[in-house]
Amino acid sequence: MNASNPDLTYPFPEAPEFGTALEVAPGVYWLRMPLPMSLNHINLYLIEGNKGWTIVDTGIRGPETRDYWHTIFDTALGGKPVTQVLCTHMHPDHTGQAGFLTNHWHAPLLMSHGEYYQTRVMNVMMREGGNWQMSEYFERAGISQEFLQQLADTRSNFTPDEEDLPIPSSYIRLMDGDDVQIGGNTWKVIVGAGHSPEHVCLYCEKLNVILSGDQILPIITSNVSVHPTEPFGNPLKVWLDSHEKFKAALPDDVLVLPAHNEPFYGVQSRLQELIDHHEDRMLILEETCVEPQVAIDLLPLLFKRKLEGHSMFMGLGECVAHLHCLMSRRRIERTLQDNRYYYRSIDPTLTERATPGRHEEPDDAPIMI
């Protein structure tokens, strides 16, 4: 399944069908819901408590996912109610049904502070048009105004329908190190960052299971981007720091239950692989920027196929994130000329430090997860 990393193993030969639940650890059930994009699914989880169920992540908004949830209510809950809904982070495939689920069951929403409020901001932004700050960010990265207008004229896949409910107006805050008691088990909150502001993972030492959301995925790599809302951010630094944190916190034989792809064993190898992946991409950029470069012109070096539409925006955001991390390490400098940022390597001898063969296979186009 993942020929690039033979250290990973996948204990479940088949994923559950949409609208069904598969027990993957005592009292922990794996669900799968559809997504309207090339990444055609999201993994959601149910954890059984003494008096009811905890839902972890909710699926994307819209009637199709709601219908699958009604099927789950009828077939998988054993007559128990849902008593709480937990969202690992802000992205629409994780929070899209939070309003529906909490309203249907009168159950509280659990999230970290940063993810909850960023979700509310994102919901507002999806209804609004562009602004000068957004235009300036993309123009300085090398995108034309004509292209920005074309994107503004297209409708998002995440446009709500008339039955969608907004994110709840209250929540229970989760913080790093908190314990969540579900049934007879304690789930430790471990917060990561980079893909989103305060991504919540749940680790149960007794079961030796971690619900990793998008923080640790076995095959694809989570998008780590600089966004127009925080144009000078350094998300890749905190992403790499988070991976070191998880390496220190988790045993290698933990069962990882991710939000995409399949549950797997081999977390230590995968975490190191993800760190190496981003270090290699930074080396590619460092080698290339001996002559000043605009961010948009660097995308073919990082991604195997041409990026178009929203994939191009995500790829650009990830490219800028790598450049910002290099700037923080004093390996790249940036100058503004004709309203475009030009990036240049500071160390003229950097090409002598290249590691042959480490970055011959660029990633596919990024997927927003």
Protein backbone atom coordinates (compact mmCIF):
# COMPACT_ATOMS: atom_id res chain seq x y z
CA MET A 1 0.00 0.00 0.00
CA ASN A 2 2.84 2.40 0.82
CA ALA A 3 5.84 1.10 -1.02
CA SER A 4 7.90 4.14 -0.01
CA ASN A 5 7.78 3.13 3.65
CA PRO A 6 7.96 -0.63 4.30
CA ASP A 7 8.01 0.01 8.07
CA LEU A 8 4.27 0.74 8.09
CA THR A 9 1.71 -2.04 8.46
CA TYR A 10 -2.05 -1.88 7.98
CA PRO A 11 -4.03 -4.26 10.22
CA PHE A 12 -7.42 -3.92 8.52
CA PRO A 13 -7.74 -5.36 5.00
CA GLU A 14 -10.80 -3.29 4.08
CA ALA A 15 -12.24 0.07 5.07
CA PRO A 16 -15.85 0.25 6.26
CA GLU A 17 -18.49 1.13 3.68
CA PHE A 18 -20.10 4.55 3.94
CA GLY A 19 -22.78 4.44 6.64
CA THR A 20 -21.27 1.46 8.48
CA ALA A 21 -19.00 1.11 11.52
CA LEU A 22 -16.03 -1.22 12.07
CA GLU A 23 -14.64 -1.87 15.56
CA VAL A 24 -10.88 -1.30 15.50
CA ALA A 25 -10.17 -1.34 19.26
CA PRO A 26 -12.39 -2.14 22.24
CA GLY A 27 -15.22 0.40 22.09
CA VAL A 28 -13.63 2.36 19.22
CA TYR A 29 -15.32 2.27 15.80
CA TRP A 30 -14.08 3.47 12.42
CA LEU A 31 -16.53 5.19 10.05
CA ARG A 32 -15.90 6.52 6.56
CA MET A 33 -17.80 9.35 4.85
CA PRO A 34 -17.52 10.67 1.27
CA LEU A 35 -15.79 13.88 0.17
CA PRO A 36 -16.49 15.69 -3.15
CA MET A 37 -12.85 15.90 -4.25
CA SER A 38 -9.93 13.77 -5.40
CA LEU A 39 -9.42 12.72 -1.79
CA ASN A 40 -12.80 11.01 -1.76
CA HIS A 41 -13.18 10.10 1.91
CA ILE A 42 -12.68 11.12 5.50
CA ASN A 43 -12.34 8.74 8.44
CA LEU A 44 -14.51 9.52 11.47
CA TYR A 45 -14.64 7.66 14.76
CA LEU A 46 -17.12 6.65 17.46
CA ILE A 47 -15.99 5.92 21.02
CA GLU A 48 -18.42 4.12 23.30
CA GLY A 49 -18.92 5.41 26.82
CA ASN A 50 -20.97 4.08 29.72
CA LYS A 51 -24.06 6.11 28.85
CA GLY A 52 -23.47 7.24 25.29
CA TRP A 53 -21.13 7.86 22.40
CA THR A 54 -18.42 10.37 21.54
CA ILE A 55 -18.16 11.34 17.88
CA VAL A 56 -14.67 12.36 16.69
CA ASP A 57 -14.89 14.58 13.60
CA THR A 58 -18.09 15.05 11.64
CA GLY A 59 -17.66 14.97 7.86
CA ILE A 60 -18.32 17.65 5.29
CA ARG A 61 -21.55 19.64 5.20
CA GLY A 62 -24.40 18.67 2.93
CA PRO A 63 -27.28 16.18 2.69
CA GLU A 64 -25.22 13.15 1.63
CA THR A 65 -23.18 13.09 4.83
CA ARG A 66 -26.26 13.84 6.94
CA ASP A 67 -28.03 10.86 5.42
CA TYR A 68 -25.11 8.57 6.28
CA TRP A 69 -25.17 9.87 9.84
CA HIS A 70 -28.86 8.99 10.13
CA THR A 71 -27.97 5.47 8.98
CA ILE A 72 -25.31 5.28 11.69
CA PHE A 73 -27.83 6.47 14.29
CA ASP A 74 -30.21 3.70 13.29
CA THR A 75 -27.72 0.84 13.02
CA ALA A 76 -24.54 1.43 15.04
CA LEU A 77 -25.38 3.12 18.35
CA GLY A 78 -27.17 0.24 20.09
CA GLY A 79 -29.85 2.51 21.48
CA LYS A 80 -27.39 4.84 23.23
CA PRO A 81 -27.36 8.60 22.50
CA VAL A 82 -24.45 10.70 21.34
CA THR A 83 -23.26 12.61 24.42
CA GLN A 84 -20.47 14.74 22.93
CA VAL A 85 -18.99 15.74 19.56
CA LEU A 86 -15.26 16.39 19.26
CA CYS A 87 -13.61 18.06 16.27
CA THR A 88 -9.86 17.66 15.90
CA HIS A 89 -9.48 20.86 13.90
CA MET A 90 -11.17 23.54 11.86
CA HIS A 91 -11.25 22.27 8.28
CA PRO A 92 -14.68 21.81 6.67
CA ASP A 93 -14.45 18.04 6.29
CA HIS A 94 -13.94 17.78 10.05
CA THR A 95 -16.44 20.42 11.26
CA GLY A 96 -19.05 20.53 8.49
CA GLN A 97 -21.68 18.50 10.36
CA ALA A 98 -20.87 19.80 13.86
CA GLY A 99 -23.95 22.04 13.92
CA PHE A 100 -26.25 19.24 12.78
CA LEU A 101 -24.85 16.64 15.18
CA THR A 102 -24.79 18.83 18.28
CA ASN A 103 -28.27 20.14 17.54
CA HIS A 104 -29.71 16.67 16.82
CA TRP A 105 -28.41 15.17 20.07
CA HIS A 106 -28.26 18.32 22.22
CA ALA A 107 -24.65 17.33 22.78
CA PRO A 108 -21.76 19.72 23.48
CA LEU A 109 -18.96 20.45 21.02
CA LEU A 110 -15.37 19.89 22.19
CA MET A 111 -12.52 21.70 20.42
CA SER A 112 -9.36 23.61 21.18
CA HIS A 113 -9.66 27.37 21.47
CA GLY A 114 -7.70 28.18 18.32
CA GLU A 115 -9.56 25.65 16.16
CA TYR A 116 -13.03 26.71 17.35
CA TYR A 117 -12.51 30.39 16.65
CA GLN A 118 -10.69 29.79 13.39
CA THR A 119 -13.67 27.71 12.27
CA ARG A 120 -15.95 30.65 12.94
CA VAL A 121 -13.63 32.97 11.03
CA MET A 122 -13.45 30.55 8.10
CA ASN A 123 -17.24 30.31 7.92
CA VAL A 124 -17.45 34.10 7.64
CA MET A 125 -14.69 34.25 5.03
CA MET A 126 -16.47 31.67 2.85
CA ARG A 127 -19.42 34.04 2.59
CA GLU A 128 -17.34 37.12 1.90
CA GLY A 129 -15.47 38.23 -1.18
CA GLY A 130 -11.79 39.04 -1.49
CA ASN A 131 -10.01 42.04 -0.04
CA TRP A 132 -6.87 44.04 -0.69
CA GLN A 133 -4.84 42.05 1.84
CA MET A 134 -5.63 38.80 0.06
CA SER A 135 -4.91 40.30 -3.34
CA GLU A 136 -1.60 41.71 -2.13
CA TYR A 137 -0.52 38.37 -0.66
CA PHE A 138 -1.12 36.48 -3.91
CA GLU A 139 0.27 39.23 -6.13
CA ARG A 140 3.51 39.29 -4.15
CA ALA A 141 3.76 35.54 -4.59
CA GLY A 142 3.46 35.95 -8.36
CA ILE A 143 -0.23 35.30 -9.14
CA SER A 144 -1.92 37.61 -11.62
CA GLN A 145 -5.05 39.62 -10.86
CA GLU A 146 -6.77 37.95 -13.81
CA PHE A 147 -6.29 34.53 -12.26
CA LEU A 148 -7.54 35.77 -8.89
CA GLN A 149 -10.71 37.03 -10.56
CA GLN A 150 -11.29 33.69 -12.27
CA LEU A 151 -11.13 31.93 -8.91
CA ALA A 152 -13.42 34.49 -7.32
CA ASP A 153 -16.03 33.75 -9.99
CA THR A 154 -16.15 30.03 -9.16
CA ARG A 155 -18.31 28.57 -6.42
CA SER A 156 -16.76 26.58 -3.59
CA ASN A 157 -17.44 22.88 -3.09
CA PHE A 158 -18.22 23.77 0.51
CA THR A 159 -21.16 26.10 -0.19
CA PRO A 160 -23.80 25.29 2.44
CA ASP A 161 -27.30 24.17 1.53
CA GLU A 162 -30.43 25.51 3.18
CA GLU A 163 -30.52 22.74 5.80
CA ASP A 164 -26.94 23.19 7.00
CA LEU A 165 -26.52 24.41 10.56
CA PRO A 166 -23.63 26.72 11.53
CA ILE A 167 -20.93 25.80 13.99
CA PRO A 168 -22.46 25.83 17.50
CA SER A 169 -22.32 29.12 19.40
CA SER A 170 -20.69 27.48 22.43
CA TYR A 171 -18.05 24.83 23.01
CA ILE A 172 -16.01 23.04 25.67
CA ARG A 173 -12.35 23.97 25.42
CA LEU A 174 -9.69 21.27 25.09
CA MET A 175 -6.09 22.05 25.98
CA ASP A 176 -2.82 20.18 25.58
CA GLY A 177 -2.44 17.68 28.41
CA ASP A 178 -6.15 17.49 29.27
CA ASP A 179 -7.69 14.11 30.06
CA VAL A 180 -10.99 13.15 28.45
CA GLN A 181 -12.74 10.29 30.27
CA ILE A 182 -14.84 8.05 28.02
CA GLY A 183 -16.17 4.92 29.64
CA GLY A 184 -13.38 3.31 31.61
CA ASN A 185 -10.61 4.82 29.51
CA THR A 186 -8.60 8.04 29.73
CA TRP A 187 -7.80 9.82 26.48
CA LYS A 188 -4.94 12.29 26.71
CA VAL A 189 -5.18 15.45 24.59
CA ILE A 190 -2.00 16.04 22.58
CA VAL A 191 -2.07 19.26 20.56
CA GLY A 192 -0.10 19.71 17.37
CA ALA A 193 0.16 22.69 15.02
CA GLY A 194 1.15 23.72 11.50
CA HIS A 195 -1.61 22.14 9.44
CA SER A 196 -4.01 24.12 11.63
CA PRO A 197 -3.58 26.28 14.76
CA GLU A 198 -4.21 23.85 17.66
CA HIS A 199 -4.96 20.42 16.24
CA VAL A 200 -6.29 17.99 18.87
CA CYS A 201 -5.20 14.33 18.92
CA LEU A 202 -6.48 11.80 21.47
CA TYR A 203 -4.12 9.17 22.88
CA CYS A 204 -5.30 6.29 25.07
CA GLU A 205 -2.33 4.59 26.71
CA LYS A 206 -4.48 1.71 28.01
CA LEU A 207 -5.76 0.83 24.53
CA ASN A 208 -2.48 1.92 22.86
CA VAL A 209 -4.45 3.92 20.29
CA ILE A 210 -4.15 7.47 19.00
CA LEU A 211 -6.82 9.29 17.00
CA SER A 212 -4.48 11.46 14.96
CA GLY A 213 -6.80 13.48 12.70
CA ASP A 214 -4.69 15.12 10.01
CA GLN A 215 -1.65 15.45 12.27
CA ILE A 216 -0.24 12.02 11.34
CA LEU A 217 -1.30 10.42 8.05
CA PRO A 218 0.29 7.27 6.60
CA ILE A 219 0.45 8.05 2.87
CA ILE A 220 -0.49 11.59 1.93
CA THR A 221 1.09 14.63 3.58
CA SER A 222 -1.07 17.26 5.24
CA ASN A 223 -1.06 20.70 3.67
CA VAL A 224 1.09 23.15 5.67
CA SER A 225 0.51 26.61 4.24
CA VAL A 226 1.01 30.30 4.81
CA HIS A 227 -2.41 31.92 4.30
CA PRO A 228 -3.40 35.50 3.43
CA THR A 229 -4.93 35.82 6.90
CA GLU A 230 -1.42 35.45 8.42
CA PRO A 231 0.91 36.37 5.56
CA PHE A 232 4.12 36.37 7.62
CA GLY A 233 3.42 33.16 9.57
CA ASN A 234 5.86 30.27 9.97
CA PRO A 235 3.61 27.18 10.15
CA LEU A 236 6.24 24.72 8.95
CA LYS A 237 8.44 25.40 11.98
CA VAL A 238 5.64 24.50 14.41
CA TRP A 239 4.67 21.52 12.21
CA LEU A 240 8.20 20.11 12.47
CA ASP A 241 8.31 20.88 16.19
CA SER A 242 4.99 19.04 16.64
CA HIS A 243 6.38 15.94 14.93
CA GLU A 244 9.29 15.89 17.36
CA LYS A 245 6.80 16.24 20.20
CA PHE A 246 4.76 13.26 18.97
CA LYS A 247 7.92 11.19 18.49
CA ALA A 248 8.71 11.73 22.17
CA ALA A 249 5.14 11.00 23.33
CA LEU A 250 4.16 7.88 21.39
CA PRO A 251 5.37 4.27 21.42
CA ASP A 252 6.11 2.79 18.03
CA ASP A 253 3.52 0.03 18.46
CA VAL A 254 0.62 2.46 18.95
CA LEU A 255 -2.33 1.96 16.56
CA VAL A 256 -2.74 5.20 14.62
CA LEU A 257 -6.31 6.03 13.57
CA PRO A 258 -5.92 8.83 11.00
CA ALA A 259 -8.52 11.03 9.30
CA HIS A 260 -7.50 9.83 5.81
CA ASN A 261 -6.07 6.63 4.33
CA GLU A 262 -6.06 3.56 6.62
CA PRO A 263 -5.21 2.86 10.28
CA PHE A 264 -1.59 1.78 10.65
CA TYR A 265 1.34 0.78 12.85
CA GLY A 266 4.79 2.33 12.57
CA VAL A 267 4.30 5.86 13.87
CA GLN A 268 7.95 6.57 14.65
CA SER A 269 9.06 5.76 11.13
CA ARG A 270 6.23 7.80 9.63
CA LEU A 271 6.93 10.85 11.79
CA GLN A 272 10.59 10.81 10.77
CA GLU A 273 9.61 10.32 7.14
CA LEU A 274 7.40 13.43 7.31
CA ILE A 275 10.20 15.47 8.89
CA ASP A 276 12.65 14.32 6.20
CA HIS A 277 10.11 15.08 3.48
CA HIS A 278 9.89 18.74 4.43
CA GLU A 279 13.62 19.08 5.04
CA ASP A 280 14.22 17.74 1.53
CA ARG A 281 11.77 20.25 0.04
CA MET A 282 13.55 23.08 1.80
CA LEU A 283 16.86 21.84 0.40
CA ILE A 284 15.39 21.90 -3.11
CA LEU A 285 14.32 25.52 -2.64
CA GLU A 286 17.65 26.51 -1.11
CA GLU A 287 19.57 25.05 -4.04
CA THR A 288 17.29 26.72 -6.59
CA CYS A 289 17.26 30.19 -5.05
CA VAL A 290 20.95 30.86 -5.71
CA GLU A 291 19.39 33.27 -8.20
CA PRO A 292 16.37 35.28 -6.91
CA GLN A 293 13.07 33.48 -7.47
CA VAL A 294 9.36 34.32 -7.18
CA ALA A 295 7.32 31.76 -5.21
CA ILE A 296 4.94 30.86 -8.06
CA ASP A 297 7.90 29.84 -10.26
CA LEU A 298 9.10 27.33 -7.65
CA LEU A 299 5.98 25.13 -7.68
CA PRO A 300 7.18 22.76 -10.46
CA LEU A 301 10.14 21.88 -8.25
CA LEU A 302 7.92 20.76 -5.37
CA PHE A 303 4.99 19.10 -7.14
CA LYS A 304 5.01 16.48 -9.84
CA ARG A 305 2.06 17.73 -11.91
CA LYS A 306 0.79 21.15 -12.88
CA LEU A 307 -1.36 22.73 -10.19
CA GLU A 308 -4.61 24.38 -11.15
CA GLY A 309 -7.45 26.16 -9.37
CA HIS A 310 -7.59 25.73 -5.61
CA SER A 311 -4.80 23.13 -5.69
CA MET A 312 -2.50 25.82 -7.02
CA PHE A 313 -3.39 28.10 -4.08
CA MET A 314 -2.64 25.33 -1.60
CA GLY A 315 0.61 24.45 -3.34
CA LEU A 316 1.64 28.10 -3.32
CA GLY A 317 0.83 28.41 0.39
CA GLU A 318 2.97 25.36 1.13
CA CYS A 319 5.84 26.68 -0.97
CA VAL A 320 5.75 29.98 0.92
CA ALA A 321 5.67 28.07 4.22
CA HIS A 322 8.92 26.32 3.29
CA LEU A 323 10.48 29.64 2.26
CA HIS A 324 9.45 31.28 5.53
CA CYS A 325 10.96 28.42 7.52
CA LEU A 326 14.22 28.85 5.59
CA MET A 327 14.10 32.58 6.30
CA SER A 328 13.76 31.87 10.03
CA ARG A 329 16.88 29.67 9.77
CA ARG A 330 18.78 32.48 7.99
CA ARG A 331 19.12 30.36 4.86
CA ILE A 332 16.92 32.49 2.56
CA GLU A 333 16.43 36.25 2.32
CA ARG A 334 13.52 38.10 0.70
CA THR A 335 13.31 41.41 -1.13
CA LEU A 336 10.31 43.28 -2.57
CA GLN A 337 10.62 44.45 -6.17
CA ASP A 338 7.75 45.61 -8.40
CA ASN A 339 5.29 44.34 -5.76
CA ARG A 340 6.69 40.81 -5.91
CA TYR A 341 8.76 39.00 -3.32
CA TYR A 342 12.04 37.56 -4.56
CA TYR A 343 13.74 34.84 -2.52
CA ARG A 344 17.49 34.28 -2.62
CA SER A 345 19.73 31.83 -0.80
CA ILE A 346 22.11 33.49 1.64
CA ASP A 347 24.86 30.82 1.64
CA PRO A 348 26.65 30.77 -1.77
CA THR A 349 28.18 27.34 -1.03
CA LEU A 350 24.87 25.58 -0.33
CA THR A 351 25.01 23.47 -3.50
CA GLU A 352 28.01 21.64 -2.04
CA ARG A 353 25.77 20.42 0.83
CA ALA A 354 23.21 18.71 -1.37
CA THR A 355 22.43 15.09 -0.56
CA PRO A 356 22.22 13.18 -3.88
CA GLY A 357 19.14 11.08 -4.43
CA ARG A 358 17.14 12.36 -1.44
CA HIS A 359 14.63 14.44 -3.37
CA GLU A 360 14.21 12.84 -6.77
CA GLU A 361 10.48 12.12 -6.35
CA PRO A 362 8.45 15.32 -5.78
CA ASP A 363 5.03 14.99 -4.18
CA ASP A 364 1.76 14.94 -6.06
CA ALA A 365 -0.51 17.99 -5.89
CA PRO A 366 -1.47 18.94 -2.33
CA ILE A 367 -4.88 18.04 -1.02
CA MET A 368 -6.65 20.21 1.53
CA ILE A 369 -7.36 18.03 4.52
